[in-house]
């Protein structure tokens, strides 16, 4: 406390205002800082608790299985797929997620770019549906675009053209079973096709006493083809053969002539060997000769007024069996 005095007469002594001590000011500043620190601590505590709660919720969300335990599990899902598709099925490529919401559940099955989604009140029913959907997706999964086509499979573009040859046996049209050769071309679609062939049968003879006839056949055939599978062909068509005959034996004036045999055909072929450019198989075919020629010897121990002697009539039925092989493109 300071006092100012004046020596002048009539002047009163005046007391000046007392300044705040330095210690008091420091104490007030300390209290203010403490208040600010408490507010900052509270804010930091609230922020830390919020981050902790967010982290816990995120961890819980990321830890939830794709298939809830009350609906099923991934191991049971893969086991059922293996029972249906085998052990080599690409199960890791299938993504299955079942999510629940109040009153319903949602299923999402994904294989590559193919996605299927279903909703149902029961998540166990959705689990069963997931197995069915995954089996259908894997069973019809197209080959990867980057995979090269197998050299052991024919290309899928249609029509496919084929040129083949065959060697076999022909019976019925000629007097004896003979070796037959065939050249055939085909145009094939997925389940249907068409074929045309040229066939040659080696000579065979028919003798009556000391006289007879030697016959050979050259024919054509056209067929419609039904293909229930790539390995089987059912054929329905028409075939005709031109038989050329020459007289043999003790004939005074041997001559040559021709006759026709023709009719509908029905056949079946098996093609067990097929690659990208080559195929081989077996085929059999029957023919009903609606047109039947005959060969006869004129005036053979008969008066001219009587009918000529028929040395060989073409039978009603004929058949062929071939081993075939060819190229396809």
C-alpha atoms as a PDB file:
ATOM      1  CA  UNK A   1       0.000   0.000   0.000  1.00  0.00           C
ATOM      2  CA  UNK A   2       1.379   3.370  -1.016  1.00  0.00           C
ATOM      3  CA  UNK A   3       0.407   6.787   0.344  1.00  0.00           C
ATOM      4  CA  UNK A   4       0.889   9.989  -1.488  1.00  0.00           C
ATOM      5  CA  UNK A   5       1.047  13.147   0.700  1.00  0.00           C
ATOM      6  CA  UNK A   6       1.200  16.754  -0.070  1.00  0.00           C
ATOM      7  CA  UNK A   7       2.864  19.379   2.151  1.00  0.00           C
ATOM      8  CA  UNK A   8       0.636  22.055   0.804  1.00  0.00           C
ATOM      9  CA  UNK A   9      -1.753  23.407   3.396  1.00  0.00           C
ATOM     10  CA  UNK A  10      -5.401  22.490   2.975  1.00  0.00           C
ATOM     11  CA  UNK A  11      -4.624  19.381   1.065  1.00  0.00           C
ATOM     12  CA  UNK A  12      -6.104  16.122   2.377  1.00  0.00           C
ATOM     13  CA  UNK A  13      -4.402  12.846   2.279  1.00  0.00           C
ATOM     14  CA  UNK A  14      -5.874  10.570  -0.620  1.00  0.00           C
ATOM     15  CA  UNK A  15      -5.629   6.700  -0.693  1.00  0.00           C
ATOM     16  CA  UNK A  16      -4.833   5.200  -4.089  1.00  0.00           C
ATOM     17  CA  UNK A  17      -6.507   1.930  -5.489  1.00  0.00           C
ATOM     18  CA  UNK A  18      -4.754  -1.249  -4.409  1.00  0.00           C
ATOM     19  CA  UNK A  19      -3.440  -3.275  -7.385  1.00  0.00           C
ATOM     20  CA  UNK A  20      -4.071  -7.141  -7.577  1.00  0.00           C
ATOM     21  CA  UNK A  21      -1.141  -9.133  -6.394  1.00  0.00           C
ATOM     22  CA  UNK A  22       0.777 -11.139  -9.002  1.00  0.00           C
ATOM     23  CA  UNK A  23       0.071 -14.407  -7.143  1.00  0.00           C
ATOM     24  CA  UNK A  24      -3.659 -13.851  -7.403  1.00  0.00           C
ATOM     25  CA  UNK A  25      -3.443 -13.325 -11.171  1.00  0.00           C
ATOM     26  CA  UNK A  26      -1.438 -16.511 -11.609  1.00  0.00           C
ATOM     27  CA  UNK A  27      -3.962 -18.464  -9.584  1.00  0.00           C
ATOM     28  CA  UNK A  28      -6.837 -17.245 -11.761  1.00  0.00           C
ATOM     29  CA  UNK A  29      -4.922 -18.191 -14.913  1.00  0.00           C
ATOM     30  CA  UNK A  30      -4.230 -21.642 -13.518  1.00  0.00           C
ATOM     31  CA  UNK A  31      -7.930 -22.170 -12.735  1.00  0.00           C
ATOM     32  CA  UNK A  32      -8.875 -21.080 -16.247  1.00  0.00           C
ATOM     33  CA  UNK A  33      -6.357 -23.459 -17.774  1.00  0.00           C
ATOM     34  CA  UNK A  34      -7.615 -26.286 -15.586  1.00  0.00           C
ATOM     35  CA  UNK A  35     -11.171 -25.623 -16.800  1.00  0.00           C
ATOM     36  CA  UNK A  36     -10.068 -25.630 -20.419  1.00  0.00           C
ATOM     37  CA  UNK A  37      -8.107 -28.853 -19.882  1.00  0.00           C
ATOM     38  CA  UNK A  38     -11.104 -30.590 -18.367  1.00  0.00           C
ATOM     39  CA  UNK A  39     -13.297 -29.660 -21.338  1.00  0.00           C
ATOM     40  CA  UNK A  40     -10.613 -30.885 -23.763  1.00  0.00           C
ATOM     41  CA  UNK A  41     -10.255 -34.131 -21.856  1.00  0.00           C
ATOM     42  CA  UNK A  42     -13.997 -34.728 -21.966  1.00  0.00           C
ATOM     43  CA  UNK A  43     -14.056 -34.127 -25.737  1.00  0.00           C
ATOM     44  CA  UNK A  44     -11.102 -36.461 -26.259  1.00  0.00           C
ATOM     45  CA  UNK A  45     -12.747 -39.122 -24.094  1.00  0.00           C
ATOM     46  CA  UNK A  46     -16.010 -38.887 -26.052  1.00  0.00           C
ATOM     47  CA  UNK A  47     -14.090 -39.156 -29.344  1.00  0.00           C
ATOM     48  CA  UNK A  48     -12.107 -42.184 -28.172  1.00  0.00           C
ATOM     49  CA  UNK A  49     -15.265 -43.959 -26.989  1.00  0.00           C
ATOM     50  CA  UNK A  50     -16.913 -43.292 -30.373  1.00  0.00           C
ATOM     51  CA  UNK A  51     -13.942 -44.684 -32.281  1.00  0.00           C
ATOM     52  CA  UNK A  52     -13.861 -47.727 -30.042  1.00  0.00           C
ATOM     53  CA  UNK A  53     -17.554 -48.401 -30.575  1.00  0.00           C
ATOM     54  CA  UNK A  54     -17.124 -48.012 -34.360  1.00  0.00           C
ATOM     55  CA  UNK A  55     -14.184 -50.406 -34.359  1.00  0.00           C
ATOM     56  CA  UNK A  56     -16.089 -53.000 -32.375  1.00  0.00           C
ATOM     57  CA  UNK A  57     -19.095 -52.780 -34.678  1.00  0.00           C
ATOM     58  CA  UNK A  58     -16.862 -53.003 -37.748  1.00  0.00           C
ATOM     59  CA  UNK A  59     -15.059 -56.012 -36.339  1.00  0.00           C
ATOM     60  CA  UNK A  60     -18.372 -57.702 -35.586  1.00  0.00           C
ATOM     61  CA  UNK A  61     -19.655 -56.964 -39.092  1.00  0.00           C
ATOM     62  CA  UNK A  62     -16.519 -58.247 -40.787  1.00  0.00           C
ATOM     63  CA  UNK A  63     -16.534 -61.335 -38.581  1.00  0.00           C
ATOM     64  CA  UNK A  64     -20.083 -62.406 -39.551  1.00  0.00           C
ATOM     65  CA  UNK A  65     -20.073 -65.563 -41.785  1.00  0.00           C
ATOM     66  CA  UNK A  66     -21.475 -65.408 -45.319  1.00  0.00           C
ATOM     67  CA  UNK A  67     -23.956 -68.094 -44.261  1.00  0.00           C
ATOM     68  CA  UNK A  68     -25.388 -67.577 -40.738  1.00  0.00           C
ATOM     69  CA  UNK A  69     -24.972 -70.602 -38.496  1.00  0.00           C
ATOM     70  CA  UNK A  70     -28.707 -71.013 -37.966  1.00  0.00           C
ATOM     71  CA  UNK A  71     -29.167 -71.242 -41.753  1.00  0.00           C
ATOM     72  CA  UNK A  72     -26.306 -73.618 -42.588  1.00  0.00           C
ATOM     73  CA  UNK A  73     -22.578 -73.379 -43.134  1.00  0.00           C
ATOM     74  CA  UNK A  74     -20.043 -73.330 -45.944  1.00  0.00           C
ATOM     75  CA  UNK A  75     -18.725 -76.828 -45.189  1.00  0.00           C
ATOM     76  CA  UNK A  76     -22.194 -78.389 -45.494  1.00  0.00           C
ATOM     77  CA  UNK A  77     -22.803 -76.388 -48.675  1.00  0.00           C
ATOM     78  CA  UNK A  78     -19.604 -77.669 -50.337  1.00  0.00           C
ATOM     79  CA  UNK A  79     -20.250 -81.234 -49.175  1.00  0.00           C
ATOM     80  CA  UNK A  80     -23.635 -81.300 -50.887  1.00  0.00           C
ATOM     81  CA  UNK A  81     -22.114 -79.877 -54.083  1.00  0.00           C
ATOM     82  CA  UNK A  82     -19.440 -82.602 -54.110  1.00  0.00           C
ATOM     83  CA  UNK A  83     -22.114 -85.287 -53.712  1.00  0.00           C
ATOM     84  CA  UNK A  84     -23.881 -83.971 -56.800  1.00  0.00           C
ATOM     85  CA  UNK A  85     -20.991 -82.812 -58.996  1.00  0.00           C
ATOM     86  CA  UNK A  86     -17.992 -84.849 -57.859  1.00  0.00           C
ATOM     87  CA  UNK A  87     -14.794 -83.944 -56.089  1.00  0.00           C
ATOM     88  CA  UNK A  88     -13.369 -81.995 -59.029  1.00  0.00           C
ATOM     89  CA  UNK A  89     -16.110 -79.341 -59.065  1.00  0.00           C
ATOM     90  CA  UNK A  90     -14.694 -75.780 -58.755  1.00  0.00           C
ATOM     91  CA  UNK A  91     -16.437 -75.019 -55.464  1.00  0.00           C
ATOM     92  CA  UNK A  92     -14.192 -72.085 -54.569  1.00  0.00           C
ATOM     93  CA  UNK A  93     -15.545 -70.175 -57.583  1.00  0.00           C
ATOM     94  CA  UNK A  94     -19.060 -70.102 -56.095  1.00  0.00           C
ATOM     95  CA  UNK A  95     -19.821 -67.230 -53.709  1.00  0.00           C
ATOM     96  CA  UNK A  96     -22.867 -67.652 -51.459  1.00  0.00           C
ATOM     97  CA  UNK A  97     -24.153 -64.966 -49.091  1.00  0.00           C
ATOM     98  CA  UNK A  98     -27.307 -65.166 -46.963  1.00  0.00           C
ATOM     99  CA  UNK A  99     -28.333 -61.998 -45.170  1.00  0.00           C
ATOM    100  CA  UNK A 100     -31.203 -61.599 -42.735  1.00  0.00           C
ATOM    101  CA  UNK A 101     -33.627 -58.761 -42.240  1.00  0.00           C
ATOM    102  CA  UNK A 102     -36.775 -58.486 -40.111  1.00  0.00           C
ATOM    103  CA  UNK A 103     -39.309 -60.951 -41.514  1.00  0.00           C
ATOM    104  CA  UNK A 104     -37.229 -62.219 -44.448  1.00  0.00           C
ATOM    105  CA  UNK A 105     -33.851 -63.485 -45.624  1.00  0.00           C
ATOM    106  CA  UNK A 106     -31.971 -62.761 -48.847  1.00  0.00           C
ATOM    107  CA  UNK A 107     -29.788 -65.179 -50.869  1.00  0.00           C
ATOM    108  CA  UNK A 108     -27.120 -64.157 -53.355  1.00  0.00           C
ATOM    109  CA  UNK A 109     -25.229 -66.789 -55.379  1.00  0.00           C
ATOM    110  CA  UNK A 110     -22.484 -65.657 -57.767  1.00  0.00           C
ATOM    111  CA  UNK A 111     -20.342 -67.602 -60.235  1.00  0.00           C
ATOM    112  CA  UNK A 112     -18.199 -65.281 -62.301  1.00  0.00           C
ATOM    113  CA  UNK A 113     -20.490 -62.689 -63.858  1.00  0.00           C
ATOM    114  CA  UNK A 114     -23.607 -64.829 -63.299  1.00  0.00           C
ATOM    115  CA  UNK A 115     -25.590 -63.737 -60.217  1.00  0.00           C
ATOM    116  CA  UNK A 116     -28.797 -65.274 -58.836  1.00  0.00           C
ATOM    117  CA  UNK A 117     -30.805 -63.740 -55.967  1.00  0.00           C
ATOM    118  CA  UNK A 118     -33.769 -65.043 -53.975  1.00  0.00           C
ATOM    119  CA  UNK A 119     -35.855 -63.896 -50.990  1.00  0.00           C
ATOM    120  CA  UNK A 120     -37.704 -66.103 -48.510  1.00  0.00           C
ATOM    121  CA  UNK A 121     -38.889 -65.829 -44.904  1.00  0.00           C
ATOM    122  CA  UNK A 122     -36.870 -68.964 -44.029  1.00  0.00           C
ATOM    123  CA  UNK A 123     -33.097 -68.822 -44.300  1.00  0.00           C
ATOM    124  CA  UNK A 124     -32.871 -72.643 -44.099  1.00  0.00           C
ATOM    125  CA  UNK A 125     -34.996 -72.862 -47.232  1.00  0.00           C
ATOM    126  CA  UNK A 126     -32.681 -70.372 -48.892  1.00  0.00           C
ATOM    127  CA  UNK A 127     -29.714 -72.566 -47.930  1.00  0.00           C
ATOM    128  CA  UNK A 128     -31.314 -75.535 -49.719  1.00  0.00           C
ATOM    129  CA  UNK A 129     -32.079 -73.289 -52.667  1.00  0.00           C
ATOM    130  CA  UNK A 130     -28.447 -72.159 -52.743  1.00  0.00           C
ATOM    131  CA  UNK A 131     -27.319 -75.757 -53.303  1.00  0.00           C
ATOM    132  CA  UNK A 132     -29.791 -76.243 -56.163  1.00  0.00           C
ATOM    133  CA  UNK A 133     -28.861 -72.933 -57.791  1.00  0.00           C
ATOM    134  CA  UNK A 134     -25.122 -73.579 -57.480  1.00  0.00           C
ATOM    135  CA  UNK A 135     -25.446 -77.062 -58.993  1.00  0.00           C
ATOM    136  CA  UNK A 136     -27.348 -75.625 -61.968  1.00  0.00           C
ATOM    137  CA  UNK A 137     -24.793 -72.841 -62.461  1.00  0.00           C
ATOM    138  CA  UNK A 138     -21.780 -75.174 -62.253  1.00  0.00           C
ATOM    139  CA  UNK A 139     -23.402 -77.832 -64.435  1.00  0.00           C
ATOM    140  CA  UNK A 140     -24.024 -75.319 -67.225  1.00  0.00           C
ATOM    141  CA  UNK A 141     -20.898 -73.240 -66.715  1.00  0.00           C
ATOM    142  CA  UNK A 142     -19.395 -72.291 -70.119  1.00  0.00           C
ATOM    143  CA  UNK A 143     -15.684 -72.873 -70.630  1.00  0.00           C
ATOM    144  CA  UNK A 144     -13.454 -69.883 -69.822  1.00  0.00           C
ATOM    145  CA  UNK A 145     -12.954 -67.499 -72.715  1.00  0.00           C
ATOM    146  CA  UNK A 146      -9.196 -67.756 -72.364  1.00  0.00           C
ATOM    147  CA  UNK A 147      -9.162 -71.547 -72.583  1.00  0.00           C
ATOM    148  CA  UNK A 148      -8.106 -72.988 -75.907  1.00  0.00           C
ATOM    149  CA  UNK A 149     -10.604 -75.384 -77.508  1.00  0.00           C
ATOM    150  CA  UNK A 150      -9.792 -79.039 -77.035  1.00  0.00           C
ATOM    151  CA  UNK A 151      -8.282 -80.728 -80.065  1.00  0.00           C
ATOM    152  CA  UNK A 152     -10.334 -83.860 -79.297  1.00  0.00           C
ATOM    153  CA  UNK A 153     -13.694 -82.181 -79.795  1.00  0.00           C
ATOM    154  CA  UNK A 154     -15.349 -81.085 -82.973  1.00  0.00           C
ATOM    155  CA  UNK A 155     -16.092 -77.349 -83.311  1.00  0.00           C
ATOM    156  CA  UNK A 156     -19.580 -76.144 -82.503  1.00  0.00           C
ATOM    157  CA  UNK A 157     -20.133 -74.107 -85.661  1.00  0.00           C
ATOM    158  CA  UNK A 158     -22.830 -75.461 -87.992  1.00  0.00           C
ATOM    159  CA  UNK A 159     -23.271 -76.770 -90.583  1.00  0.00           C
ATOM    160  CA  UNK A 160     -20.220 -79.016 -90.467  1.00  0.00           C
ATOM    161  CA  UNK A 161     -19.153 -80.558 -93.760  1.00  0.00           C
ATOM    162  CA  UNK A 162     -17.654 -84.019 -94.005  1.00  0.00           C
ATOM    163  CA  UNK A 163     -16.109 -86.142 -96.727  1.00  0.00           C
ATOM    164  CA  UNK A 164     -15.623 -89.807 -95.982  1.00  0.00           C
ATOM    165  CA  UNK A 165     -14.964 -93.221 -97.460  1.00  0.00           C
ATOM    166  CA  UNK A 166     -16.181 -96.643 -96.498  1.00  0.00           C
ATOM    167  CA  UNK A 167     -15.425-100.288 -97.151  1.00  0.00           C
ATOM    168  CA  UNK A 168     -17.807-103.087 -96.330  1.00  0.00           C
ATOM    169  CA  UNK A 169     -20.054-105.900 -97.495  1.00  0.00           C
ATOM    170  CA  UNK A 170     -23.178-105.735 -99.615  1.00  0.00           C
ATOM    171  CA  UNK A 171     -25.713-108.562 -99.708  1.00  0.00           C
ATOM    172  CA  UNK A 172     -28.980-109.068-101.561  1.00  0.00           C
ATOM    173  CA  UNK A 173     -28.742-107.022-104.723  1.00  0.00           C
ATOM    174  CA  UNK A 174     -26.164-109.288-106.338  1.00  0.00           C
ATOM    175  CA  UNK A 175     -26.250-113.103-106.334  1.00  0.00           C
ATOM    176  CA  UNK A 176     -23.548-113.373-103.629  1.00  0.00           C
ATOM    177  CA  UNK A 177     -22.245-111.166-100.810  1.00  0.00           C
ATOM    178  CA  UNK A 178     -19.558-108.944-102.291  1.00  0.00           C
ATOM    179  CA  UNK A 179     -17.077-106.300-101.239  1.00  0.00           C
ATOM    180  CA  UNK A 180     -18.528-102.794-101.495  1.00  0.00           C
ATOM    181  CA  UNK A 181     -16.794 -99.397-101.608  1.00  0.00           C
ATOM    182  CA  UNK A 182     -18.387 -96.081-100.715  1.00  0.00           C
ATOM    183  CA  UNK A 183     -17.615 -92.381-101.085  1.00  0.00           C
ATOM    184  CA  UNK A 184     -19.886 -90.126 -99.020  1.00  0.00           C
ATOM    185  CA  UNK A 185     -20.329 -86.433 -98.228  1.00  0.00           C
ATOM    186  CA  UNK A 186     -22.372 -85.053 -95.340  1.00  0.00           C
ATOM    187  CA  UNK A 187     -23.663 -81.732 -94.033  1.00  0.00           C
ATOM    188  CA  UNK A 188     -24.385 -81.857 -90.299  1.00  0.00           C
ATOM    189  CA  UNK A 189     -26.207 -79.617 -87.868  1.00  0.00           C
ATOM    190  CA  UNK A 190     -26.678 -80.168 -84.143  1.00  0.00           C
ATOM    191  CA  UNK A 191     -29.398 -82.833 -84.420  1.00  0.00           C
ATOM    192  CA  UNK A 192     -30.016 -83.182 -88.150  1.00  0.00           C
ATOM    193  CA  UNK A 193     -28.070 -83.630 -91.349  1.00  0.00           C
ATOM    194  CA  UNK A 194     -28.053 -84.851 -94.935  1.00  0.00           C
ATOM    195  CA  UNK A 195     -25.793 -87.274 -96.779  1.00  0.00           C
ATOM    196  CA  UNK A 196     -25.178 -88.353-100.353  1.00  0.00           C
ATOM    197  CA  UNK A 197     -23.055 -91.317-101.400  1.00  0.00           C
ATOM    198  CA  UNK A 198     -21.756 -93.216-104.428  1.00  0.00           C
ATOM    199  CA  UNK A 199     -21.285 -96.986-103.994  1.00  0.00           C
ATOM    200  CA  UNK A 200     -19.659 -99.665-106.078  1.00  0.00           C
ATOM    201  CA  UNK A 201     -20.084-103.421-105.563  1.00  0.00           C
ATOM    202  CA  UNK A 202     -17.549-105.869-106.964  1.00  0.00           C
ATOM    203  CA  UNK A 203     -18.758-108.469-109.509  1.00  0.00           C
ATOM    204  CA  UNK A 204     -20.609-111.640-108.598  1.00  0.00           C
ATOM    205  CA  UNK A 205     -21.899-114.365-110.895  1.00  0.00           C
ATOM    206  CA  UNK A 206     -24.878-116.653-111.079  1.00  0.00           C
ATOM    207  CA  UNK A 207     -24.623-119.910-113.057  1.00  0.00           C
ATOM    208  CA  UNK A 208     -27.383-122.291-114.104  1.00  0.00           C
ATOM    209  CA  UNK A 209     -25.904-125.423-115.631  1.00  0.00           C
ATOM    210  CA  UNK A 210     -23.303-124.351-118.143  1.00  0.00           C
ATOM    211  CA  UNK A 211     -24.735-120.894-118.656  1.00  0.00           C
ATOM    212  CA  UNK A 212     -24.854-117.896-116.355  1.00  0.00           C
ATOM    213  CA  UNK A 213     -24.491-114.175-115.845  1.00  0.00           C
ATOM    214  CA  UNK A 214     -21.850-111.969-114.223  1.00  0.00           C
ATOM    215  CA  UNK A 215     -23.193-108.878-112.423  1.00  0.00           C
ATOM    216  CA  UNK A 216     -21.714-105.722-110.925  1.00  0.00           C
ATOM    217  CA  UNK A 217     -23.496-102.765-109.368  1.00  0.00           C
ATOM    218  CA  UNK A 218     -22.931 -99.027-109.235  1.00  0.00           C
ATOM    219  CA  UNK A 219     -25.336 -97.004-107.142  1.00  0.00           C
ATOM    220  CA  UNK A 220     -26.181 -93.755-105.402  1.00  0.00           C
ATOM    221  CA  UNK A 221     -27.859 -93.065-102.071  1.00  0.00           C
ATOM    222  CA  UNK A 222     -29.291 -90.011-100.342  1.00  0.00           C
ATOM    223  CA  UNK A 223     -30.196 -89.899 -96.660  1.00  0.00           C
ATOM    224  CA  UNK A 224     -31.709 -87.632 -94.084  1.00  0.00           C
ATOM    225  CA  UNK A 225     -29.896 -87.917 -90.758  1.00  0.00           C
ATOM    226  CA  UNK A 226     -31.164 -87.595 -87.208  1.00  0.00           C
ATOM    227  CA  UNK A 227     -28.457 -87.233 -84.547  1.00  0.00           C
ATOM    228  CA  UNK A 228     -29.758 -87.917 -81.008  1.00  0.00           C
ATOM    229  CA  UNK A 229     -26.153 -87.498 -79.849  1.00  0.00           C
ATOM    230  CA  UNK A 230     -22.817 -86.676 -81.529  1.00  0.00           C
ATOM    231  CA  UNK A 231     -21.979 -90.424 -81.591  1.00  0.00           C
ATOM    232  CA  UNK A 232     -25.162 -91.822 -83.166  1.00  0.00           C
ATOM    233  CA  UNK A 233     -26.837 -91.259 -86.527  1.00  0.00           C
ATOM    234  CA  UNK A 234     -30.208 -92.649 -87.583  1.00  0.00           C
ATOM    235  CA  UNK A 235     -30.723 -92.542 -91.354  1.00  0.00           C
ATOM    236  CA  UNK A 236     -33.749 -92.644 -93.613  1.00  0.00           C
ATOM    237  CA  UNK A 237     -33.296 -92.312 -97.351  1.00  0.00           C
ATOM    238  CA  UNK A 238     -33.443 -93.738-100.841  1.00  0.00           C
ATOM    239  CA  UNK A 239     -30.918 -95.770-102.838  1.00  0.00           C
ATOM    240  CA  UNK A 240     -30.704 -97.012-106.391  1.00  0.00           C
ATOM    241  CA  UNK A 241     -28.270 -99.400-108.071  1.00  0.00           C
ATOM    242  CA  UNK A 242     -27.643 -99.987-111.741  1.00  0.00           C
ATOM    243  CA  UNK A 243     -26.772-103.643-112.299  1.00  0.00           C
ATOM    244  CA  UNK A 244     -24.701-104.437-115.389  1.00  0.00           C
ATOM    245  CA  UNK A 245     -24.718-108.080-116.478  1.00  0.00           C
ATOM    246  CA  UNK A 246     -22.860-110.129-119.089  1.00  0.00           C
ATOM    247  CA  UNK A 247     -23.678-113.641-120.232  1.00  0.00           C
ATOM    248  CA  UNK A 248     -21.212-116.396-119.355  1.00  0.00           C
ATOM    249  CA  UNK A 249     -20.830-120.049-120.181  1.00  0.00           C
ATOM    250  CA  UNK A 250     -21.836-121.843-123.343  1.00  0.00           C
ATOM    251  CA  UNK A 251     -24.080-119.153-124.752  1.00  0.00           C
ATOM    252  CA  UNK A 252     -24.176-118.977-128.535  1.00  0.00           C
ATOM    253  CA  UNK A 253     -24.398-115.211-128.619  1.00  0.00           C
ATOM    254  CA  UNK A 254     -23.317-113.761-125.241  1.00  0.00           C
ATOM    255  CA  UNK A 255     -24.724-110.331-124.598  1.00  0.00           C
ATOM    256  CA  UNK A 256     -24.723-107.563-122.004  1.00  0.00           C
ATOM    257  CA  UNK A 257     -27.564-105.654-120.466  1.00  0.00           C
ATOM    258  CA  UNK A 258     -28.493-103.697-117.339  1.00  0.00           C
ATOM    259  CA  UNK A 259     -31.303-103.502-114.846  1.00  0.00           C
ATOM    260  CA  UNK A 260     -32.191-101.342-111.839  1.00  0.00           C
ATOM    261  CA  UNK A 261     -32.817-102.002-108.186  1.00  0.00           C
ATOM    262  CA  UNK A 262     -34.139 -99.128-106.068  1.00  0.00           C
ATOM    263  CA  UNK A 263     -36.085 -98.441-102.920  1.00  0.00           C
ATOM    264  CA  UNK A 264     -36.209 -96.798 -99.466  1.00  0.00           C
ATOM    265  CA  UNK A 265     -33.427 -97.394 -96.975  1.00  0.00           C
ATOM    266  CA  UNK A 266     -33.147 -97.352 -93.189  1.00  0.00           C
ATOM    267  CA  UNK A 267     -29.814 -97.282 -91.410  1.00  0.00           C
ATOM    268  CA  UNK A 268     -27.923 -96.683 -88.177  1.00  0.00           C
ATOM    269  CA  UNK A 269     -24.343 -95.431 -87.686  1.00  0.00           C
ATOM    270  CA  UNK A 270     -22.032 -95.240 -84.679  1.00  0.00           C
ATOM    271  CA  UNK A 271     -19.117 -92.764 -84.623  1.00  0.00           C
ATOM    272  CA  UNK A 272     -17.017 -93.592 -81.548  1.00  0.00           C
ATOM    273  CA  UNK A 273     -13.875 -91.842 -82.777  1.00  0.00           C
ATOM    274  CA  UNK A 274     -14.132 -88.078 -83.346  1.00  0.00           C
ATOM    275  CA  UNK A 275     -11.454 -85.412 -83.268  1.00  0.00           C
ATOM    276  CA  UNK A 276     -11.346 -81.869 -84.549  1.00  0.00           C
ATOM    277  CA  UNK A 277     -10.667 -82.957 -88.153  1.00  0.00           C
ATOM    278  CA  UNK A 278     -11.094 -86.752 -88.272  1.00  0.00           C
ATOM    279  CA  UNK A 279     -13.800 -89.277 -87.520  1.00  0.00           C
ATOM    280  CA  UNK A 280     -14.294 -93.043 -87.867  1.00  0.00           C
ATOM    281  CA  UNK A 281     -17.195 -95.351 -87.225  1.00  0.00           C
ATOM    282  CA  UNK A 282     -19.477 -98.197 -88.267  1.00  0.00           C
ATOM    283  CA  UNK A 283     -22.731 -98.212 -90.197  1.00  0.00           C
ATOM    284  CA  UNK A 284     -25.412-100.650 -91.338  1.00  0.00           C
ATOM    285  CA  UNK A 285     -28.277-100.141 -93.758  1.00  0.00           C
ATOM    286  CA  UNK A 286     -31.226-102.117 -95.091  1.00  0.00           C
ATOM    287  CA  UNK A 287     -32.968-101.555 -98.430  1.00  0.00           C
ATOM    288  CA  UNK A 288     -36.421-102.537 -99.656  1.00  0.00           C
ATOM    289  CA  UNK A 289     -36.245-103.010-103.442  1.00  0.00           C
ATOM    290  CA  UNK A 290     -39.485-101.522-104.666  1.00  0.00           C
ATOM    291  CA  UNK A 291     -37.965-101.566-108.169  1.00  0.00           C
ATOM    292  CA  UNK A 292     -36.480-104.965-109.050  1.00  0.00           C
ATOM    293  CA  UNK A 293     -34.836-105.847-112.330  1.00  0.00           C
ATOM    294  CA  UNK A 294     -34.105-109.339-113.577  1.00  0.00           C
ATOM    295  CA  UNK A 295     -31.679-111.030-115.931  1.00  0.00           C
ATOM    296  CA  UNK A 296     -32.746-113.706-118.333  1.00  0.00           C
ATOM    297  CA  UNK A 297     -31.337-115.937-121.065  1.00  0.00           C
ATOM    298  CA  UNK A 298     -33.348-115.836-124.274  1.00  0.00           C
ATOM    299  CA  UNK A 299     -34.474-119.166-125.773  1.00  0.00           C
ATOM    300  CA  UNK A 300     -32.570-121.256-123.250  1.00  0.00           C
ATOM    301  CA  UNK A 301     -33.818-124.765-124.083  1.00  0.00           C
ATOM    302  CA  UNK A 302     -37.240-123.269-124.654  1.00  0.00           C
ATOM    303  CA  UNK A 303     -39.331-122.581-127.732  1.00  0.00           C
ATOM    304  CA  UNK A 304     -39.330-118.981-128.866  1.00  0.00           C
ATOM    305  CA  UNK A 305     -42.992-118.718-128.016  1.00  0.00           C
ATOM    306  CA  UNK A 306     -42.368-119.350-124.339  1.00  0.00           C
ATOM    307  CA  UNK A 307     -41.170-116.810-121.785  1.00  0.00           C
ATOM    308  CA  UNK A 308     -37.392-116.335-121.531  1.00  0.00           C
ATOM    309  CA  UNK A 309     -35.539-118.188-118.790  1.00  0.00           C
ATOM    310  CA  UNK A 310     -34.871-115.922-115.831  1.00  0.00           C
ATOM    311  CA  UNK A 311     -31.391-116.612-114.553  1.00  0.00           C
ATOM    312  CA  UNK A 312     -31.342-113.999-111.799  1.00  0.00           C
ATOM    313  CA  UNK A 313     -34.158-111.859-110.348  1.00  0.00           C
ATOM    314  CA  UNK A 314     -33.154-109.082-107.927  1.00  0.00           C
ATOM    315  CA  UNK A 315     -34.465-109.906-104.408  1.00  0.00           C
ATOM    316  CA  UNK A 316     -36.882-107.746-102.457  1.00  0.00           C
ATOM    317  CA  UNK A 317     -34.427-107.051 -99.650  1.00  0.00           C
ATOM    318  CA  UNK A 318     -30.777-106.008 -99.606  1.00  0.00           C
ATOM    319  CA  UNK A 319     -28.369-104.677 -97.008  1.00  0.00           C
ATOM    320  CA  UNK A 320     -24.919-103.230 -96.454  1.00  0.00           C
ATOM    321  CA  UNK A 321     -22.477-102.816 -93.586  1.00  0.00           C
ATOM    322  CA  UNK A 322     -19.548-100.387 -93.714  1.00  0.00           C
ATOM    323  CA  UNK A 323     -16.515 -99.266 -91.797  1.00  0.00           C
ATOM    324  CA  UNK A 324     -16.335 -95.534 -92.448  1.00  0.00           C
ATOM    325  CA  UNK A 325     -13.727 -92.841 -91.867  1.00  0.00           C
ATOM    326  CA  UNK A 326     -13.366 -89.283 -93.062  1.00  0.00           C
ATOM    327  CA  UNK A 327     -12.508 -85.640 -92.550  1.00  0.00           C
ATOM    328  CA  UNK A 328     -14.683 -82.876 -91.146  1.00  0.00           C
ATOM    329  CA  UNK A 329     -14.435 -79.094 -91.278  1.00  0.00           C
END
